[in-house]
Amino acid sequence: MKIVYIGSRESKLAVVQSEMVRDYINSHNEGIQAELVTMKTTGDIILDRSLDKVGGKGLFVKELDKALMDGRTCLSVHSLKDMPMEVSDELPLIAFSKREDPRDVLVLPEGKTEIDFSLPIGCSSLRRMLQFKKLYPQAVFEGVRGNVITRLNKLDSGKYSALILAAAGVKRLGLEKRISRYFDPSEMIPAAGQGILAVQGRAGEDYRFLAGYNDPEGEMAALAERAFVTELDGGCTSPVAAHAQIQDGEIHLTGLYYEESDGGHLIGSMSGPADKTQAAELGRKLAIKLREQYRNR
């Protein structure tokens, strides 16, 4: 029996997501047993400072990358939205899941039906803050870190009036009943890759046991969205956002361009063939178009 070790963060959501890949491998392969290896990442340990002050999204993958390089694990499972845009050639992304609901959602304290604007909204994402403020100009924000369960506990203790979370994570944890409102992507453009799981492996390894796991539409959306953000050099401190939908043989991509020099932003869309080889180019073209439009306005 061949054992395939899957690296995962320790949080409940990360484990649930890694178990989805584990169960796929175990149910589609004879003679292979996939098992999880959980670990606490630096990003899970440092919770008293915002990500941009401690090193960005890379803090959530560093320990998992090391385990992959050392051979302690065979692959890692990540929420794609939490992955840095630059990925090492030695540790390529080898598969993308079918996309769960990509929308952001509003979560209120248990028993509440309206936002109490005398308390801050728990949110550390500039992308979410920028777009939420357009819907609720009176909102004020306070940073919140930690996994979904930790954030919900802080919310229910009375520290915040509401949280803005990713629908995918809330649903995967079986907490859909906590959702008070879904934000349509036209109201709040999701983070690039939101709702998609990424499987990361080692270059040169045989991953035929994952055959059939990769979702072509999830992959095309991931490539287009991440190319948009990469072209704009958008890191964890930037509210750059992108959302792709595949429909009728086309990729429809919407992006949010943010100009750090003056805090202004611009939203635009572009469509192209639903072709994996052209998806990244579509993202790059939209980014260039919006940057030029903003600077020439």
Protein backbone atom coordinates (compact mmCIF):
# COMPACT_ATOMS: atom_id res chain seq x y z
CA MET A 1 0.00 0.00 0.00
CA LYS A 2 1.43 3.36 -1.07
CA ILE A 3 0.89 6.17 1.46
CA VAL A 4 0.33 9.68 0.08
CA TYR A 5 0.88 12.33 2.75
CA ILE A 6 -1.15 15.53 2.29
CA GLY A 7 0.07 18.71 4.00
CA SER A 8 -2.64 20.84 5.59
CA ARG A 9 -2.95 23.75 7.98
CA GLU A 10 -4.42 22.80 11.36
CA SER A 11 -7.55 24.95 11.22
CA LYS A 12 -10.87 23.14 10.99
CA LEU A 13 -11.60 24.64 7.56
CA ALA A 14 -8.18 23.69 6.18
CA VAL A 15 -8.61 20.13 7.45
CA VAL A 16 -12.11 19.85 5.94
CA GLN A 17 -10.75 21.07 2.59
CA SER A 18 -7.76 18.72 2.68
CA GLU A 19 -10.08 15.83 3.57
CA MET A 20 -12.00 16.53 0.35
CA VAL A 21 -8.83 15.88 -1.66
CA ARG A 22 -7.87 12.92 0.55
CA ASP A 23 -11.27 11.31 0.04
CA TYR A 24 -11.05 11.81 -3.73
CA ILE A 25 -7.66 10.07 -3.88
CA ASN A 26 -8.80 7.18 -1.67
CA SER A 27 -12.03 6.60 -3.58
CA HIS A 28 -10.43 6.72 -7.04
CA ASN A 29 -7.26 4.67 -6.53
CA GLU A 30 -6.59 1.09 -5.47
CA GLY A 31 -3.39 0.45 -3.57
CA ILE A 32 -3.06 4.09 -2.46
CA GLN A 33 -3.92 5.46 0.98
CA ALA A 34 -3.94 9.25 1.43
CA GLU A 35 -3.40 10.64 4.93
CA LEU A 36 -3.25 14.17 6.32
CA VAL A 37 -0.23 15.77 7.95
CA THR A 38 -1.41 18.90 9.75
CA MET A 39 0.80 21.77 10.85
CA LYS A 40 0.49 25.27 12.25
CA THR A 41 1.80 27.93 9.89
CA THR A 42 3.40 31.25 10.86
CA GLY A 43 0.26 32.99 9.60
CA ASP A 44 -1.83 30.96 12.05
CA ILE A 45 0.46 31.83 14.97
CA ILE A 46 0.84 35.60 14.48
CA LEU A 47 -2.68 36.94 15.03
CA ASP A 48 -2.04 40.33 16.64
CA ARG A 49 -0.89 42.11 13.47
CA SER A 50 -2.31 42.48 9.96
CA LEU A 51 -0.84 40.33 7.19
CA ASP A 52 0.81 43.23 5.38
CA LYS A 53 2.85 43.98 8.52
CA VAL A 54 4.17 40.44 9.01
CA GLY A 55 4.95 39.18 5.53
CA GLY A 56 1.76 38.65 3.56
CA LYS A 57 -0.01 35.52 2.42
CA GLY A 58 3.22 33.58 2.10
CA LEU A 59 3.08 33.07 5.87
CA PHE A 60 0.23 30.58 5.34
CA VAL A 61 2.25 28.34 3.01
CA LYS A 62 5.85 28.53 4.24
CA GLU A 63 5.73 25.52 6.55
CA LEU A 64 3.70 23.50 4.04
CA ASP A 65 6.22 24.32 1.31
CA LYS A 66 9.10 23.19 3.53
CA ALA A 67 7.38 19.87 4.25
CA LEU A 68 6.91 19.36 0.51
CA MET A 69 10.54 20.17 -0.27
CA ASP A 70 11.78 17.90 2.54
CA GLY A 71 9.68 15.00 1.28
CA ARG A 72 7.61 14.81 4.48
CA THR A 73 4.51 15.36 2.35
CA CYS A 74 3.64 14.54 -1.25
CA LEU A 75 1.24 17.42 -1.86
CA SER A 76 -0.44 20.34 -0.09
CA VAL A 77 -4.00 21.64 -0.23
CA HIS A 78 -4.64 25.38 -0.08
CA SER A 79 -7.47 27.86 -0.45
CA LEU A 80 -6.34 29.42 -3.71
CA LYS A 81 -7.23 32.92 -2.51
CA ASP A 82 -4.63 32.54 0.28
CA MET A 83 -1.79 31.58 -2.07
CA PRO A 84 0.87 34.10 -3.10
CA MET A 85 0.73 35.03 -6.78
CA GLU A 86 4.31 33.91 -7.31
CA VAL A 87 4.62 30.12 -7.05
CA SER A 88 7.98 28.32 -7.24
CA ASP A 89 8.66 26.16 -10.30
CA GLU A 90 9.81 23.50 -7.84
CA LEU A 91 6.38 23.44 -6.18
CA PRO A 92 3.84 23.90 -9.00
CA LEU A 93 0.07 24.03 -8.67
CA ILE A 94 -0.99 20.69 -10.13
CA ALA A 95 -4.79 20.74 -9.82
CA PHE A 96 -7.72 23.05 -9.13
CA SER A 97 -11.04 22.03 -7.60
CA LYS A 98 -14.51 22.70 -8.85
CA ARG A 99 -15.41 26.13 -7.52
CA GLU A 100 -17.57 26.49 -4.43
CA ASP A 101 -19.69 29.65 -4.07
CA PRO A 102 -17.19 32.50 -4.75
CA ARG A 103 -19.22 35.26 -3.10
CA ASP A 104 -18.48 37.20 0.07
CA VAL A 105 -21.11 37.11 2.80
CA LEU A 106 -22.25 39.13 5.79
CA VAL A 107 -22.43 37.31 9.13
CA LEU A 108 -24.20 38.91 12.10
CA PRO A 109 -23.98 37.96 15.79
CA GLU A 110 -26.34 35.16 16.73
CA GLY A 111 -29.85 36.50 17.28
CA LYS A 112 -29.24 39.75 15.37
CA THR A 113 -31.01 40.71 12.13
CA GLU A 114 -29.49 44.14 11.45
CA ILE A 115 -26.01 45.67 11.52
CA ASP A 116 -25.38 47.74 14.65
CA PHE A 117 -23.23 50.54 13.24
CA SER A 118 -22.21 51.68 16.72
CA LEU A 119 -19.79 48.73 16.63
CA PRO A 120 -17.07 48.10 14.03
CA ILE A 121 -17.30 45.59 11.22
CA GLY A 122 -14.69 42.87 11.74
CA CYS A 123 -12.63 42.95 8.55
CA SER A 124 -8.93 43.01 7.69
CA SER A 125 -9.30 43.00 3.89
CA LEU A 126 -8.90 46.32 2.09
CA ARG A 127 -10.68 44.78 -0.90
CA ARG A 128 -13.76 44.07 1.20
CA MET A 129 -13.63 47.38 3.08
CA LEU A 130 -13.44 49.44 -0.11
CA GLN A 131 -16.49 47.76 -1.64
CA PHE A 132 -18.51 47.43 1.58
CA LYS A 133 -18.11 51.17 2.20
CA LYS A 134 -19.92 51.87 -1.08
CA LEU A 135 -22.91 49.88 0.18
CA TYR A 136 -22.79 51.14 3.77
CA PRO A 137 -20.98 54.52 3.91
CA GLN A 138 -21.48 54.75 7.68
CA ALA A 139 -19.49 51.58 8.36
CA VAL A 140 -16.26 51.60 10.36
CA PHE A 141 -13.89 48.66 10.49
CA GLU A 142 -11.57 46.94 12.90
CA GLY A 143 -9.08 44.27 11.93
CA VAL A 144 -9.88 40.67 12.76
CA ARG A 145 -7.55 37.69 12.35
CA GLY A 146 -7.82 33.98 13.06
CA ASN A 147 -9.70 31.11 11.48
CA VAL A 148 -13.45 31.22 10.78
CA ILE A 149 -14.44 29.67 14.12
CA THR A 150 -12.22 32.11 16.05
CA ARG A 151 -13.73 35.05 14.19
CA LEU A 152 -17.28 33.86 14.86
CA ASN A 153 -16.51 33.54 18.56
CA LYS A 154 -15.21 37.12 18.62
CA LEU A 155 -18.34 38.28 16.77
CA ASP A 156 -20.73 36.52 19.14
CA SER A 157 -18.86 37.90 22.18
CA GLY A 158 -19.95 41.40 21.16
CA LYS A 159 -16.68 42.76 19.82
CA TYR A 160 -18.01 43.38 16.29
CA SER A 161 -21.34 44.20 14.70
CA ALA A 162 -20.70 41.90 11.75
CA LEU A 163 -18.09 39.95 9.83
CA ILE A 164 -17.45 39.75 6.10
CA LEU A 165 -16.36 36.23 5.17
CA ALA A 166 -16.04 34.00 2.12
CA ALA A 167 -19.19 31.97 1.48
CA ALA A 168 -17.10 28.96 0.46
CA GLY A 169 -15.42 28.59 3.85
CA VAL A 170 -18.64 29.12 5.80
CA LYS A 171 -20.45 26.52 3.69
CA ARG A 172 -17.65 23.95 3.87
CA LEU A 173 -17.79 24.20 7.65
CA GLY A 174 -21.53 23.51 7.60
CA LEU A 175 -22.31 26.97 8.98
CA GLU A 176 -24.45 28.25 6.12
CA LYS A 177 -27.24 29.15 8.57
CA ARG A 178 -24.98 31.91 9.97
CA ILE A 179 -25.04 33.80 6.66
CA SER A 180 -27.23 36.93 6.81
CA ARG A 181 -26.57 38.23 3.32
CA TYR A 182 -24.75 37.22 0.15
CA PHE A 183 -22.94 39.94 -1.80
CA ASP A 184 -23.36 39.50 -5.51
CA PRO A 185 -20.03 39.83 -7.39
CA SER A 186 -21.48 42.99 -8.99
CA GLU A 187 -21.63 44.49 -5.45
CA MET A 188 -18.41 43.05 -4.07
CA ILE A 189 -15.90 41.49 -6.46
CA PRO A 190 -14.39 38.43 -4.75
CA ALA A 191 -10.70 37.81 -4.18
CA ALA A 192 -8.89 36.07 -7.03
CA GLY A 193 -9.33 32.32 -6.62
CA GLN A 194 -12.01 32.57 -3.92
CA GLY A 195 -13.92 29.29 -3.60
CA ILE A 196 -11.27 27.23 -5.45
CA LEU A 197 -8.94 24.72 -3.79
CA ALA A 198 -5.42 24.45 -5.16
CA VAL A 199 -3.36 21.28 -4.95
CA GLN A 200 0.37 21.96 -4.87
CA GLY A 201 2.99 19.30 -5.60
CA ARG A 202 6.69 18.77 -6.32
CA ALA A 203 8.11 19.14 -9.81
CA GLY A 204 8.92 15.81 -11.45
CA GLU A 205 6.62 13.70 -9.26
CA ASP A 206 3.97 11.32 -10.61
CA TYR A 207 0.50 12.57 -9.70
CA ARG A 208 -1.58 10.27 -11.86
CA PHE A 209 -3.57 9.35 -8.76
CA LEU A 210 -5.15 12.83 -9.06
CA ALA A 211 -6.35 12.16 -12.62
CA GLY A 212 -9.86 13.51 -12.99
CA TYR A 213 -9.72 15.77 -9.92
CA ASN A 214 -8.80 18.94 -11.79
CA ASP A 215 -11.83 21.01 -12.83
CA PRO A 216 -11.26 22.74 -16.21
CA GLU A 217 -13.57 25.65 -15.41
CA GLY A 218 -11.98 26.14 -11.99
CA GLU A 219 -8.56 26.12 -13.62
CA MET A 220 -9.50 28.66 -16.30
CA ALA A 221 -11.03 31.00 -13.72
CA ALA A 222 -7.94 30.64 -11.51
CA LEU A 223 -5.54 31.40 -14.35
CA ALA A 224 -7.47 34.47 -15.55
CA GLU A 225 -7.99 35.95 -12.08
CA ARG A 226 -4.45 35.36 -10.84
CA ALA A 227 -2.96 36.79 -14.05
CA PHE A 228 -5.01 39.97 -13.56
CA VAL A 229 -3.71 40.43 -10.01
CA THR A 230 -0.14 39.49 -10.97
CA GLU A 231 -0.04 42.04 -13.78
CA LEU A 232 -1.04 44.75 -11.32
CA ASP A 233 1.47 43.49 -8.77
CA GLY A 234 -1.40 43.15 -6.29
CA GLY A 235 -0.32 41.62 -3.00
CA CYS A 236 -2.15 41.05 0.25
CA THR A 237 -2.14 44.78 1.05
CA SER A 238 -3.86 45.75 -2.21
CA PRO A 239 -7.64 45.60 -2.77
CA VAL A 240 -7.15 44.43 -6.37
CA ALA A 241 -9.87 41.85 -7.13
CA ALA A 242 -10.94 39.64 -10.04
CA HIS A 243 -13.82 37.29 -10.75
CA ALA A 244 -14.23 35.04 -13.79
CA GLN A 245 -17.35 33.23 -14.95
CA ILE A 246 -17.34 30.60 -17.70
CA GLN A 247 -20.49 30.64 -19.79
CA ASP A 248 -21.42 29.67 -23.35
CA GLY A 249 -17.83 28.92 -24.32
CA GLU A 250 -16.45 32.22 -23.02
CA ILE A 251 -14.64 33.49 -19.94
CA HIS A 252 -16.22 36.68 -18.62
CA LEU A 253 -13.74 38.43 -16.35
CA THR A 254 -14.46 41.40 -14.09
CA GLY A 255 -11.61 43.16 -12.33
CA LEU A 256 -11.10 45.93 -9.79
CA TYR A 257 -8.07 48.16 -10.41
CA TYR A 258 -6.79 50.16 -7.44
CA GLU A 259 -4.37 53.06 -7.66
CA GLU A 260 -2.30 53.17 -4.49
CA SER A 261 -0.97 56.66 -5.15
CA ASP A 262 -4.39 58.32 -4.72
CA GLY A 263 -6.70 55.58 -3.40
CA GLY A 264 -8.92 55.66 -6.48
CA HIS A 265 -10.26 52.61 -8.24
CA LEU A 266 -11.88 51.46 -11.47
CA ILE A 267 -13.95 48.38 -12.33
CA GLY A 268 -14.16 46.86 -15.79
CA SER A 269 -14.80 43.64 -17.69
CA MET A 270 -13.51 41.70 -20.67
CA SER A 271 -14.43 38.41 -22.33
CA GLY A 272 -12.49 35.81 -24.29
CA PRO A 273 -12.61 32.16 -25.39
CA ALA A 274 -12.97 29.57 -22.63
CA ASP A 275 -9.54 28.15 -23.42
CA LYS A 276 -6.95 27.26 -20.78
CA THR A 277 -4.13 28.48 -23.01
CA GLN A 278 -5.71 31.94 -23.34
CA ALA A 279 -7.15 32.46 -19.84
CA ALA A 280 -4.06 34.08 -18.32
CA GLU A 281 -3.67 36.41 -21.30
CA LEU A 282 -7.26 37.59 -20.81
CA GLY A 283 -6.47 38.50 -17.21
CA ARG A 284 -3.32 40.33 -18.23
CA LYS A 285 -5.13 42.29 -20.98
CA LEU A 286 -7.90 43.43 -18.65
CA ALA A 287 -5.37 44.59 -16.06
CA ILE A 288 -3.46 46.63 -18.66
CA LYS A 289 -6.69 48.09 -20.05
CA LEU A 290 -7.95 49.24 -16.63
CA ARG A 291 -4.58 50.65 -15.61
CA GLU A 292 -4.38 52.69 -18.83
CA GLN A 293 -8.00 53.85 -18.54
CA TYR A 294 -7.48 55.04 -14.99
CA ARG A 295 -4.25 56.86 -15.69
CA ASN A 296 -5.59 58.49 -18.86
CA ARG A 297 -8.95 59.55 -17.41
